[in-house]
C-alpha atoms as a PDB file:
ATOM      1  CA  MET A   1      81.550  82.003  96.428  1.00  0.00           C
ATOM      2  CA  ILE A   2      85.206  83.475  97.136  1.00  0.00           C
ATOM      3  CA  SER A   3      85.776  85.346  93.885  1.00  0.00           C
ATOM      4  CA  HIS A   4      82.988  87.531  94.847  1.00  0.00           C
ATOM      5  CA  ILE A   5      83.939  87.913  98.176  1.00  0.00           C
ATOM      6  CA  PHE A   6      87.321  89.512  97.769  1.00  0.00           C
ATOM      7  CA  SER A   7      85.932  91.052  94.584  1.00  0.00           C
ATOM      8  CA  LYS A   8      85.398  94.359  96.870  1.00  0.00           C
ATOM      9  CA  THR A   9      87.456  95.034  99.900  1.00  0.00           C
ATOM     10  CA  LYS A  10      85.356  94.887 102.741  1.00  0.00           C
ATOM     11  CA  PRO A  11      85.553  94.275 106.407  1.00  0.00           C
ATOM     12  CA  ILE A  12      84.317  91.360 106.109  1.00  0.00           C
ATOM     13  CA  ASN A  13      87.820  90.203 104.163  1.00  0.00           C
ATOM     14  CA  PHE A  14      89.935  91.549 106.339  1.00  0.00           C
ATOM     15  CA  LEU A  15      88.807  89.127 109.276  1.00  0.00           C
ATOM     16  CA  LEU A  16      88.548  86.071 106.564  1.00  0.00           C
ATOM     17  CA  LEU A  17      92.381  86.899 106.210  1.00  0.00           C
ATOM     18  CA  ILE A  18      93.386  87.670 109.872  1.00  0.00           C
ATOM     19  CA  PHE A  19      90.903  84.049 110.629  1.00  0.00           C
ATOM     20  CA  LEU A  20      93.241  82.014 107.854  1.00  0.00           C
ATOM     21  CA  LEU A  21      96.991  83.927 108.602  1.00  0.00           C
ATOM     22  CA  ALA A  22      96.071  82.632 112.703  1.00  0.00           C
ATOM     23  CA  ILE A  23      95.565  79.224 110.653  1.00  0.00           C
ATOM     24  CA  TYR A  24      98.796  78.850 109.016  1.00  0.00           C
ATOM     25  CA  ILE A  25     100.312  79.935 112.828  1.00  0.00           C
ATOM     26  CA  VAL A  26      98.722  77.604 114.614  1.00  0.00           C
ATOM     27  CA  LEU A  27      99.028  74.582 111.866  1.00  0.00           C
ATOM     28  CA  TYR A  28     102.932  76.060 111.657  1.00  0.00           C
ATOM     29  CA  GLU A  29     103.241  75.795 115.744  1.00  0.00           C
ATOM     30  CA  GLY A  30     101.419  72.328 115.901  1.00  0.00           C
ATOM     31  CA  PHE A  31     103.426  70.282 113.235  1.00  0.00           C
ATOM     32  CA  VAL A  32     106.304  72.287 112.613  1.00  0.00           C
ATOM     33  CA  GLY A  33     107.597  75.542 114.219  1.00  0.00           C
ATOM     34  CA  ILE A  34     108.765  76.456 117.656  1.00  0.00           C
ATOM     35  CA  GLU A  35     110.174  74.039 120.255  1.00  0.00           C
ATOM     36  CA  ASN A  36     108.639  73.775 122.854  1.00  0.00           C
ATOM     37  CA  ASN A  37     110.743  72.097 126.803  1.00  0.00           C
ATOM     38  CA  SER A  38     109.483  69.126 127.154  1.00  0.00           C
ATOM     39  CA  SER A  39     110.255  69.097 130.739  1.00  0.00           C
ATOM     40  CA  ALA A  40     108.720  72.480 130.970  1.00  0.00           C
ATOM     41  CA  PRO A  41     105.951  73.214 132.619  1.00  0.00           C
ATOM     42  CA  PHE A  42     102.076  73.218 130.535  1.00  0.00           C
ATOM     43  CA  LEU A  43     101.740  76.959 131.620  1.00  0.00           C
ATOM     44  CA  GLN A  44     105.669  77.723 130.554  1.00  0.00           C
ATOM     45  CA  ASN A  45     105.155  76.067 126.795  1.00  0.00           C
ATOM     46  CA  SER A  46     101.563  77.497 126.453  1.00  0.00           C
ATOM     47  CA  VAL A  47     103.021  80.960 127.276  1.00  0.00           C
ATOM     48  CA  GLN A  48     105.570  80.549 124.695  1.00  0.00           C
ATOM     49  CA  ASN A  49     103.445  79.482 122.260  1.00  0.00           C
ATOM     50  CA  LEU A  50     101.116  82.446 122.464  1.00  0.00           C
ATOM     51  CA  GLY A  51     103.811  84.570 122.856  1.00  0.00           C
ATOM     52  CA  PHE A  52     105.097  83.221 119.427  1.00  0.00           C
ATOM     53  CA  PHE A  53     101.028  83.409 117.357  1.00  0.00           C
ATOM     54  CA  ALA A  54     100.768  87.320 119.200  1.00  0.00           C
ATOM     55  CA  LYS A  55     104.370  87.743 117.551  1.00  0.00           C
ATOM     56  CA  ALA A  56     103.294  86.667 114.313  1.00  0.00           C
ATOM     57  CA  ILE A  57     100.139  88.113 113.866  1.00  0.00           C
ATOM     58  CA  GLY A  58     101.397  91.710 115.237  1.00  0.00           C
ATOM     59  CA  LEU A  59     103.450  92.046 112.519  1.00  0.00           C
ATOM     60  CA  LEU A  60     101.731  90.815 109.954  1.00  0.00           C
ATOM     61  CA  VAL A  61      98.475  92.025 110.156  1.00  0.00           C
ATOM     62  CA  PRO A  62      99.620  95.901 110.123  1.00  0.00           C
ATOM     63  CA  SER A  63     101.771  94.593 107.321  1.00  0.00           C
ATOM     64  CA  ILE A  64      98.449  93.365 105.640  1.00  0.00           C
ATOM     65  CA  PHE A  65      96.522  96.425 106.037  1.00  0.00           C
ATOM     66  CA  LEU A  66      99.297  98.873 104.358  1.00  0.00           C
ATOM     67  CA  MET A  67      99.273  96.583 101.384  1.00  0.00           C
ATOM     68  CA  ASP A  68      96.186  97.355 101.188  1.00  0.00           C
ATOM     69  CA  PHE A  69      96.683 101.697 101.549  1.00  0.00           C
ATOM     70  CA  VAL A  70      99.232 101.315  98.821  1.00  0.00           C
ATOM     71  CA  LEU A  71      97.445  99.513  96.149  1.00  0.00           C
ATOM     72  CA  LYS A  72      93.991 101.387  96.679  1.00  0.00           C
ATOM     73  CA  ARG A  73      95.660 104.996  97.435  1.00  0.00           C
ATOM     74  CA  ASN A  74      98.198 104.270  94.308  1.00  0.00           C
ATOM     75  CA  LYS A  75      94.971 103.052  92.060  1.00  0.00           C
ATOM     76  CA  LEU A  76      96.860  99.726  91.278  1.00  0.00           C
ATOM     77  CA  VAL A  77      93.947  98.087  92.329  1.00  0.00           C
ATOM     78  CA  LEU A  78      89.977  99.415  92.166  1.00  0.00           C
ATOM     79  CA  THR A  79      88.564  97.487  94.443  1.00  0.00           C
ATOM     80  CA  GLN A  80      89.444  93.930  94.780  1.00  0.00           C
ATOM     81  CA  ALA A  81      91.470  92.323  97.862  1.00  0.00           C
ATOM     82  CA  TYR A  82      92.923  89.404  95.496  1.00  0.00           C
ATOM     83  CA  THR A  83      96.254  90.500  96.319  1.00  0.00           C
ATOM     84  CA  LEU A  84      95.370  90.641  99.871  1.00  0.00           C
ATOM     85  CA  LEU A  85      94.634  87.006 100.052  1.00  0.00           C
ATOM     86  CA  PHE A  86      97.249  85.719  97.491  1.00  0.00           C
ATOM     87  CA  PHE A  87      99.517  87.179 100.395  1.00  0.00           C
ATOM     88  CA  VAL A  88      97.935  85.708 103.024  1.00  0.00           C
ATOM     89  CA  ILE A  89      98.290  81.850 101.074  1.00  0.00           C
ATOM     90  CA  PHE A  90     102.140  82.721 100.360  1.00  0.00           C
ATOM     91  CA  THR A  91     102.686  82.806 104.071  1.00  0.00           C
ATOM     92  CA  GLY A  92     100.765  79.325 104.484  1.00  0.00           C
ATOM     93  CA  ILE A  93     103.435  77.948 101.536  1.00  0.00           C
ATOM     94  CA  PHE A  94     106.066  79.366 103.264  1.00  0.00           C
ATOM     95  CA  THR A  95     105.786  78.935 107.054  1.00  0.00           C
ATOM     96  CA  ALA A  96     109.059  79.841 107.777  1.00  0.00           C
ATOM     97  CA  VAL A  97     108.235  82.963 107.336  1.00  0.00           C
ATOM     98  CA  PHE A  98     106.480  83.323 111.045  1.00  0.00           C
ATOM     99  CA  LYS A  99     109.699  82.252 113.040  1.00  0.00           C
ATOM    100  CA  SER A 100     111.570  85.409 112.010  1.00  0.00           C
ATOM    101  CA  THR A 101     110.909  88.752 114.404  1.00  0.00           C
ATOM    102  CA  SER A 102     113.883  90.511 112.892  1.00  0.00           C
ATOM    103  CA  LEU A 103     112.559  89.707 109.454  1.00  0.00           C
ATOM    104  CA  LEU A 104     109.032  90.705 109.559  1.00  0.00           C
ATOM    105  CA  LEU A 105     109.880  93.962 111.154  1.00  0.00           C
ATOM    106  CA  SER A 106     111.980  94.899 108.535  1.00  0.00           C
ATOM    107  CA  HIS A 107     109.759  93.609 106.027  1.00  0.00           C
ATOM    108  CA  PHE A 108     107.572  95.966 107.313  1.00  0.00           C
ATOM    109  CA  PHE A 109     109.839  98.854 106.643  1.00  0.00           C
ATOM    110  CA  VAL A 110     110.531  98.356 103.405  1.00  0.00           C
ATOM    111  CA  LEU A 111     106.711  98.077 102.604  1.00  0.00           C
ATOM    112  CA  MET A 112     106.760 101.813 104.310  1.00  0.00           C
ATOM    113  CA  GLY A 113     109.191 103.048 101.690  1.00  0.00           C
ATOM    114  CA  LEU A 114     107.609 101.281  99.020  1.00  0.00           C
ATOM    115  CA  ARG A 115     104.554 103.041  99.735  1.00  0.00           C
ATOM    116  CA  ARG A 116     106.557 106.324  98.984  1.00  0.00           C
ATOM    117  CA  ILE A 117     108.440 105.048  96.497  1.00  0.00           C
ATOM    118  CA  ILE A 118     105.092 104.135  94.224  1.00  0.00           C
ATOM    119  CA  SER A 119     103.446 107.231  95.343  1.00  0.00           C
ATOM    120  CA  LEU A 120     106.076 109.235  93.395  1.00  0.00           C
ATOM    121  CA  LYS A 121     104.191 109.328  89.871  1.00  0.00           C
ATOM    122  CA  ASN A 122     102.458 112.191  91.972  1.00  0.00           C
ATOM    123  CA  LYS A 123     104.545 114.806  91.535  1.00  0.00           C
ATOM    124  CA  GLY A 124     103.495 116.602  94.367  1.00  0.00           C
ATOM    125  CA  ARG A 125     106.132 116.972  97.406  1.00  0.00           C
ATOM    126  CA  SER A 126     108.532 114.493  95.664  1.00  0.00           C
ATOM    127  CA  LYS A 127     111.689 115.492  97.860  1.00  0.00           C
ATOM    128  CA  LYS A 128     110.044 114.333 101.177  1.00  0.00           C
ATOM    129  CA  LYS A 129     108.808 111.258  99.716  1.00  0.00           C
ATOM    130  CA  VAL A 130     112.282 110.344  98.976  1.00  0.00           C
ATOM    131  CA  PHE A 131     113.564 111.029 102.012  1.00  0.00           C
ATOM    132  CA  GLU A 132     111.431 109.129 104.107  1.00  0.00           C
ATOM    133  CA  ALA A 133     111.662 106.438 101.524  1.00  0.00           C
ATOM    134  CA  SER A 134     115.197 106.358 102.606  1.00  0.00           C
ATOM    135  CA  LEU A 135     114.809 106.682 105.927  1.00  0.00           C
ATOM    136  CA  TRP A 136     112.448 103.505 105.960  1.00  0.00           C
ATOM    137  CA  PHE A 137     115.054 101.300 103.992  1.00  0.00           C
ATOM    138  CA  LEU A 138     117.555 102.710 106.541  1.00  0.00           C
ATOM    139  CA  VAL A 139     115.222 101.465 109.851  1.00  0.00           C
ATOM    140  CA  ALA A 140     114.485  98.169 107.855  1.00  0.00           C
ATOM    141  CA  SER A 141     118.304  97.449 107.310  1.00  0.00           C
ATOM    142  CA  PHE A 142     118.281  98.000 111.579  1.00  0.00           C
ATOM    143  CA  PHE A 143     116.750  94.537 111.461  1.00  0.00           C
ATOM    144  CA  TYR A 144     118.188  93.273 107.915  1.00  0.00           C
ATOM    145  CA  ASP A 145     121.276  94.408 107.027  1.00  0.00           C
ATOM    146  CA  TRP A 146     120.677  93.499 102.989  1.00  0.00           C
ATOM    147  CA  ALA A 147     117.332  95.724 103.543  1.00  0.00           C
ATOM    148  CA  LEU A 148     119.689  97.894 101.913  1.00  0.00           C
ATOM    149  CA  LEU A 149     119.180  96.834  98.459  1.00  0.00           C
ATOM    150  CA  TYR A 150     115.958  98.671  98.045  1.00  0.00           C
ATOM    151  CA  PHE A 151     118.284 101.963  97.366  1.00  0.00           C
ATOM    152  CA  VAL A 152     118.080 100.127  93.929  1.00  0.00           C
ATOM    153  CA  VAL A 153     114.556 100.725  93.556  1.00  0.00           C
ATOM    154  CA  LEU A 154     114.686 103.879  95.270  1.00  0.00           C
ATOM    155  CA  PHE A 155     117.464 104.931  92.610  1.00  0.00           C
ATOM    156  CA  LEU A 156     115.087 103.586  89.741  1.00  0.00           C
ATOM    157  CA  ALA A 157     111.958 105.671  91.093  1.00  0.00           C
ATOM    158  CA  VAL A 158     113.886 108.806  91.359  1.00  0.00           C
ATOM    159  CA  PHE A 159     115.583 108.915  87.638  1.00  0.00           C
ATOM    160  CA  LEU A 160     112.281 107.497  85.955  1.00  0.00           C
ATOM    161  CA  HIS A 161     110.056 110.353  88.081  1.00  0.00           C
ATOM    162  CA  ASN A 162     112.282 113.282  87.740  1.00  0.00           C
ATOM    163  CA  LYS A 163     113.652 115.069  85.552  1.00  0.00           C
ATOM    164  CA  ASN A 164     116.645 116.392  87.971  1.00  0.00           C
ATOM    165  CA  ALA A 165     117.002 113.482  89.970  1.00  0.00           C
ATOM    166  CA  ILE A 166     120.327 113.650  90.788  1.00  0.00           C
ATOM    167  CA  GLN A 167     119.298 116.622  93.473  1.00  0.00           C
ATOM    168  CA  HIS A 168     117.072 114.084  95.215  1.00  0.00           C
ATOM    169  CA  LEU A 169     120.116 111.835  95.569  1.00  0.00           C
ATOM    170  CA  GLY A 170     121.353 114.252  97.993  1.00  0.00           C
ATOM    171  CA  LEU A 171     118.132 113.464  99.969  1.00  0.00           C
ATOM    172  CA  MET A 172     119.566 110.037 100.161  1.00  0.00           C
ATOM    173  CA  VAL A 173     122.947 111.114 102.014  1.00  0.00           C
ATOM    174  CA  TRP A 174     121.173 113.137 104.870  1.00  0.00           C
ATOM    175  CA  ALA A 175     118.768 110.755 105.364  1.00  0.00           C
ATOM    176  CA  ALA A 176     121.843 108.447 106.260  1.00  0.00           C
ATOM    177  CA  GLY A 177     123.110 111.211 108.511  1.00  0.00           C
ATOM    178  CA  VAL A 178     119.980 111.045 110.264  1.00  0.00           C
ATOM    179  CA  TYR A 179     119.805 107.458 110.437  1.00  0.00           C
ATOM    180  CA  ALA A 180     123.261 107.398 111.800  1.00  0.00           C
ATOM    181  CA  LEU A 181     122.720 110.422 113.944  1.00  0.00           C
ATOM    182  CA  LEU A 182     119.663 108.505 115.437  1.00  0.00           C
ATOM    183  CA  LEU A 183     121.453 104.990 115.933  1.00  0.00           C
ATOM    184  CA  GLN A 184     124.074 106.984 117.958  1.00  0.00           C
ATOM    185  CA  ALA A 185     121.688 108.546 120.520  1.00  0.00           C
ATOM    186  CA  PHE A 186     119.357 105.676 121.113  1.00  0.00           C
ATOM    187  CA  VAL A 187     121.007 102.386 120.293  1.00  0.00           C
ATOM    188  CA  ILE A 188     125.182 102.506 119.562  1.00  0.00           C
ATOM    189  CA  GLY A 189     126.029 104.951 122.477  1.00  0.00           C
ATOM    190  CA  THR A 190     128.955 103.786 123.939  1.00  0.00           C
ATOM    191  CA  GLN A 191     129.056 100.206 122.758  1.00  0.00           C
ATOM    192  CA  GLY A 192     129.103 100.960 119.108  1.00  0.00           C
ATOM    193  CA  SER A 193     131.974  97.957 118.561  1.00  0.00           C
ATOM    194  CA  GLU A 194     129.180  95.767 120.258  1.00  0.00           C
ATOM    195  CA  PHE A 195     126.633  97.034 117.962  1.00  0.00           C
ATOM    196  CA  PHE A 196     128.609  96.305 114.896  1.00  0.00           C
ATOM    197  CA  GLN A 197     129.271  93.014 115.655  1.00  0.00           C
ATOM    198  CA  THR A 198     126.006  91.940 115.181  1.00  0.00           C
ATOM    199  CA  HIS A 199     124.819  94.737 113.151  1.00  0.00           C
ATOM    200  CA  TYR A 200     125.890  95.666 109.425  1.00  0.00           C
ATOM    201  CA  ILE A 201     128.121  92.285 108.419  1.00  0.00           C
ATOM    202  CA  PHE A 202     126.266  91.560 105.697  1.00  0.00           C
ATOM    203  CA  LEU A 203     126.595  88.165 105.800  1.00  0.00           C
ATOM    204  CA  THR A 204     125.500  85.747 102.838  1.00  0.00           C
ATOM    205  CA  SER A 205     124.519  81.977 102.196  1.00  0.00           C
ATOM    206  CA  THR A 206     127.262  79.293 101.991  1.00  0.00           C
ATOM    207  CA  ALA A 207     124.593  76.545 100.936  1.00  0.00           C
ATOM    208  CA  PRO A 208     124.627  75.266  97.324  1.00  0.00           C
ATOM    209  CA  LEU A 209     122.745  77.654  94.611  1.00  0.00           C
ATOM    210  CA  LYS A 210     120.804  74.172  93.953  1.00  0.00           C
ATOM    211  CA  GLU A 211     119.643  73.685  98.121  1.00  0.00           C
ATOM    212  CA  LYS A 212     118.629  76.956  97.457  1.00  0.00           C
ATOM    213  CA  ILE A 213     116.416  76.769  94.833  1.00  0.00           C
ATOM    214  CA  GLY A 214     114.971  73.103  95.121  1.00  0.00           C
ATOM    215  CA  LEU A 215     111.458  71.667  93.743  1.00  0.00           C
ATOM    216  CA  GLU A 216     109.002  74.295  95.854  1.00  0.00           C
ATOM    217  CA  LEU A 217     111.067  77.382  95.086  1.00  0.00           C
ATOM    218  CA  SER A 218     111.303  76.543  91.112  1.00  0.00           C
ATOM    219  CA  LEU A 219     107.318  75.810  90.875  1.00  0.00           C
ATOM    220  CA  PHE A 220     107.044  79.119  92.931  1.00  0.00           C
ATOM    221  CA  PHE A 221     108.590  81.308  90.773  1.00  0.00           C
ATOM    222  CA  GLY A 222     108.402  79.646  87.659  1.00  0.00           C
ATOM    223  CA  SER A 223     105.128  79.399  87.359  1.00  0.00           C
ATOM    224  CA  SER A 224     105.092  83.098  88.289  1.00  0.00           C
ATOM    225  CA  LEU A 225     107.718  83.762  86.071  1.00  0.00           C
ATOM    226  CA  LEU A 226     105.167  82.256  82.768  1.00  0.00           C
ATOM    227  CA  LEU A 227     102.520  84.646  84.567  1.00  0.00           C
ATOM    228  CA  LEU A 228     104.625  88.055  84.292  1.00  0.00           C
ATOM    229  CA  ILE A 229     105.450  86.931  80.640  1.00  0.00           C
ATOM    230  CA  TRP A 230     101.702  86.439  79.957  1.00  0.00           C
ATOM    231  CA  LEU A 231     100.561  89.108  81.051  1.00  0.00           C
ATOM    232  CA  VAL A 232     103.537  91.481  79.660  1.00  0.00           C
ATOM    233  CA  THR A 233     102.582  90.281  75.862  1.00  0.00           C
ATOM    234  CA  LYS A 234      98.425  90.281  77.044  1.00  0.00           C
ATOM    235  CA  SER A 235      99.011  94.095  77.709  1.00  0.00           C
ATOM    236  CA  ARG A 236     100.603  94.632  74.951  1.00  0.00           C
ATOM    237  CA  ASN A 237      97.475  93.865  73.040  1.00  0.00           C
ATOM    238  CA  ASN A 238      95.386  96.053  75.049  1.00  0.00           C
ATOM    239  CA  SER A 239      95.526  99.662  75.076  1.00  0.00           C
ATOM    240  CA  ASN A 240      98.738 101.050  76.790  1.00  0.00           C
ATOM    241  CA  PRO A 241      98.076 102.044  80.875  1.00  0.00           C
ATOM    242  CA  SER A 242      99.164 105.846  82.153  1.00  0.00           C
ATOM    243  CA  LEU A 243     103.276 106.496  82.086  1.00  0.00           C
ATOM    244  CA  GLY A 244     102.736 106.799  86.372  1.00  0.00           C
ATOM    245  CA  ARG A 245     100.853 103.113  86.140  1.00  0.00           C
ATOM    246  CA  GLN A 246     103.365 101.735  84.000  1.00  0.00           C
ATOM    247  CA  ASN A 247     106.654 102.775  86.225  1.00  0.00           C
ATOM    248  CA  SER A 248     104.599 101.734  89.087  1.00  0.00           C
ATOM    249  CA  LEU A 249     104.196  98.355  87.807  1.00  0.00           C
ATOM    250  CA  ARG A 250     108.009  98.288  87.004  1.00  0.00           C
ATOM    251  CA  LEU A 251     108.907  99.383  90.298  1.00  0.00           C
ATOM    252  CA  LEU A 252     106.787  96.311  92.100  1.00  0.00           C
ATOM    253  CA  PHE A 253     108.715  93.753  89.468  1.00  0.00           C
ATOM    254  CA  LEU A 254     112.010  95.538  90.514  1.00  0.00           C
ATOM    255  CA  SER A 255     110.999  94.896  94.158  1.00  0.00           C
ATOM    256  CA  ALA A 256     110.395  91.675  93.676  1.00  0.00           C
ATOM    257  CA  LEU A 257     113.854  90.482  91.923  1.00  0.00           C
ATOM    258  CA  VAL A 258     115.506  92.495  94.997  1.00  0.00           C
ATOM    259  CA  GLY A 259     113.375  90.400  97.258  1.00  0.00           C
ATOM    260  CA  LEU A 260     114.566  87.183  95.206  1.00  0.00           C
ATOM    261  CA  GLY A 261     118.404  87.936  95.243  1.00  0.00           C
ATOM    262  CA  LEU A 262     117.739  89.047  99.815  1.00  0.00           C
ATOM    263  CA  TYR A 263     116.582  85.644  99.721  1.00  0.00           C
ATOM    264  CA  PHE A 264     119.242  83.780  97.808  1.00  0.00           C
ATOM    265  CA  LEU A 265     122.012  86.397 100.077  1.00  0.00           C
ATOM    266  CA  SER A 266     120.961  85.782 103.052  1.00  0.00           C
ATOM    267  CA  PRO A 267     122.904  82.658 105.382  1.00  0.00           C
ATOM    268  CA  ASP A 268     119.121  81.890 106.584  1.00  0.00           C
ATOM    269  CA  SER A 269     118.803  78.375 105.293  1.00  0.00           C
ATOM    270  CA  GLY A 270     114.919  78.375 105.553  1.00  0.00           C
ATOM    271  CA  PHE A 271     112.742  80.472 103.296  1.00  0.00           C
ATOM    272  CA  SER A 272     111.873  82.969 105.745  1.00  0.00           C
ATOM    273  CA  PRO A 273     113.531  86.099 103.491  1.00  0.00           C
ATOM    274  CA  LEU A 274     110.874  85.080 100.903  1.00  0.00           C
ATOM    275  CA  ILE A 275     108.545  87.073 102.727  1.00  0.00           C
ATOM    276  CA  PHE A 276     110.270  90.862 100.728  1.00  0.00           C
ATOM    277  CA  SER A 277     108.800  89.221  97.557  1.00  0.00           C
ATOM    278  CA  PHE A 278     105.502  87.902  98.543  1.00  0.00           C
ATOM    279  CA  PHE A 279     104.078  91.304  98.267  1.00  0.00           C
ATOM    280  CA  PRO A 280     104.922  91.956  94.280  1.00  0.00           C
ATOM    281  CA  ILE A 281     104.497  87.882  93.334  1.00  0.00           C
ATOM    282  CA  ALA A 282     100.704  88.559  95.330  1.00  0.00           C
ATOM    283  CA  PHE A 283     100.047  91.595  92.740  1.00  0.00           C
ATOM    284  CA  LEU A 284     101.021  89.758  89.889  1.00  0.00           C
ATOM    285  CA  TRP A 285      98.945  86.648  90.734  1.00  0.00           C
ATOM    286  CA  SER A 286      95.759  89.082  91.845  1.00  0.00           C
ATOM    287  CA  ARG A 287      96.345  90.833  88.550  1.00  0.00           C
ATOM    288  CA  LEU A 288      95.812  86.854  86.975  1.00  0.00           C
ATOM    289  CA  THR A 289      92.420  86.714  89.029  1.00  0.00           C
ATOM    290  CA  GLU A 290      91.132  90.152  87.880  1.00  0.00           C
ATOM    291  CA  GLU A 291      92.059  89.033  83.636  1.00  0.00           C
ATOM    292  CA  LEU A 292      89.734  85.728  83.820  1.00  0.00           C
ATOM    293  CA  THR A 293      86.685  86.767  82.516  1.00  0.00           C
ATOM    294  CA  LYS A 294      84.322  83.552  83.719  1.00  0.00           C
ATOM    295  CA  THR A 295      83.259  82.961  87.296  1.00  0.00           C
ATOM    296  CA  TRP A 296      84.136  79.571  87.525  1.00  0.00           C
ATOM    297  CA  GLN A 297      87.935  80.299  86.297  1.00  0.00           C
ATOM    298  CA  LYS A 298      88.368  82.270  89.249  1.00  0.00           C
ATOM    299  CA  GLU A 299      86.854  80.298  91.985  1.00  0.00           C
ATOM    300  CA  LEU A 300      88.917  77.433  90.389  1.00  0.00           C
ATOM    301  CA  LEU A 301      92.310  79.214  90.669  1.00  0.00           C
ATOM    302  CA  LEU A 302      91.484  81.109  93.785  1.00  0.00           C
ATOM    303  CA  TRP A 303      90.643  77.313  95.569  1.00  0.00           C
ATOM    304  CA  SER A 304      93.614  75.598  93.730  1.00  0.00           C
ATOM    305  CA  ALA A 305      95.805  78.257  95.575  1.00  0.00           C
ATOM    306  CA  LEU A 306      93.967  77.841  98.722  1.00  0.00           C
ATOM    307  CA  SER A 307      94.751  74.076  98.821  1.00  0.00           C
ATOM    308  CA  VAL A 308      98.026  74.209  98.336  1.00  0.00           C
ATOM    309  CA  PRO A 309      99.300  75.014 101.980  1.00  0.00           C
ATOM    310  CA  LEU A 310      97.115  72.077 102.706  1.00  0.00           C
ATOM    311  CA  TRP A 311      99.064  69.930 100.280  1.00  0.00           C
ATOM    312  CA  GLY A 312     102.527  71.450 102.006  1.00  0.00           C
ATOM    313  CA  LEU A 313     101.709  70.005 104.954  1.00  0.00           C
ATOM    314  CA  LEU A 314     100.280  66.676 104.585  1.00  0.00           C
ATOM    315  CA  ALA A 315     103.109  65.700 102.606  1.00  0.00           C
ATOM    316  CA  TYR A 316     105.449  67.279 105.638  1.00  0.00           C
ATOM    317  CA  LEU A 317     103.370  64.775 107.870  1.00  0.00           C
ATOM    318  CA  ILE A 318     103.919  62.057 105.569  1.00  0.00           C
ATOM    319  CA  GLN A 319     108.212  62.702 105.512  1.00  0.00           C
ATOM    320  CA  ASN A 320     107.792  63.068 109.479  1.00  0.00           C
END
């Protein structure tokens, strides 16, 4: 049933995804999330909850539509919406992603940059794409400074898709200059010292590595790594995909590694920075779903994935 619904992208799919996302946000608010002032009036707390819900929905739903555009425009998938479903499920597993407005905004602009990077496989207007990707990553860094690491993905994309890569590197410098002018004109003004007290500090995590990893993260990335190895082995036995598609898959894999790096670098003690790795890893799991030949196998995988946030909530309630 569910595998059939999401085997093709239809308007009903987006409605179901938004509904599922709304459930995860409400559950997070009700059991884990925002702290209400017990002495505050009911109306004030209700407005706070409504604002939190509207912020999370308003920032994540555009990201879902953007991911669908990237996948379909670059023919990474044909019709299925499994990637979008897994992305929403991941937000239900790591619900801390709902609480950070700055990370959600940064994630959206990172997706905008990845959209231009992946489209570099089509040779037309490559200079414009490099400039725009650079600018989007710089805008993302305004909300979360470590988003600048995505320039690593851009560098690789330039060298993969362009023989004359050096001239494209100058476009990144030009984009940085434009971004600096925009900051000066609209943000910094005469308060540059105050701005740099809160931006581009590049704070790193002081938590021990074992605290950053944990059982939940180990299962998430461990299973994804095993899946990647299986897919790579399987692809070698099948007909080789086009060079453009291979490069797109490499870039998505690198973006997942950068997202993982952002998590370990982040001073945030929660799982919020993991959101940067959700899109490429969701695409990986969607590939597995497509590879399954029997309907019952797809149903078992998707229903099992959907049940994980519920089990996580039950575990939280038992512990607390």
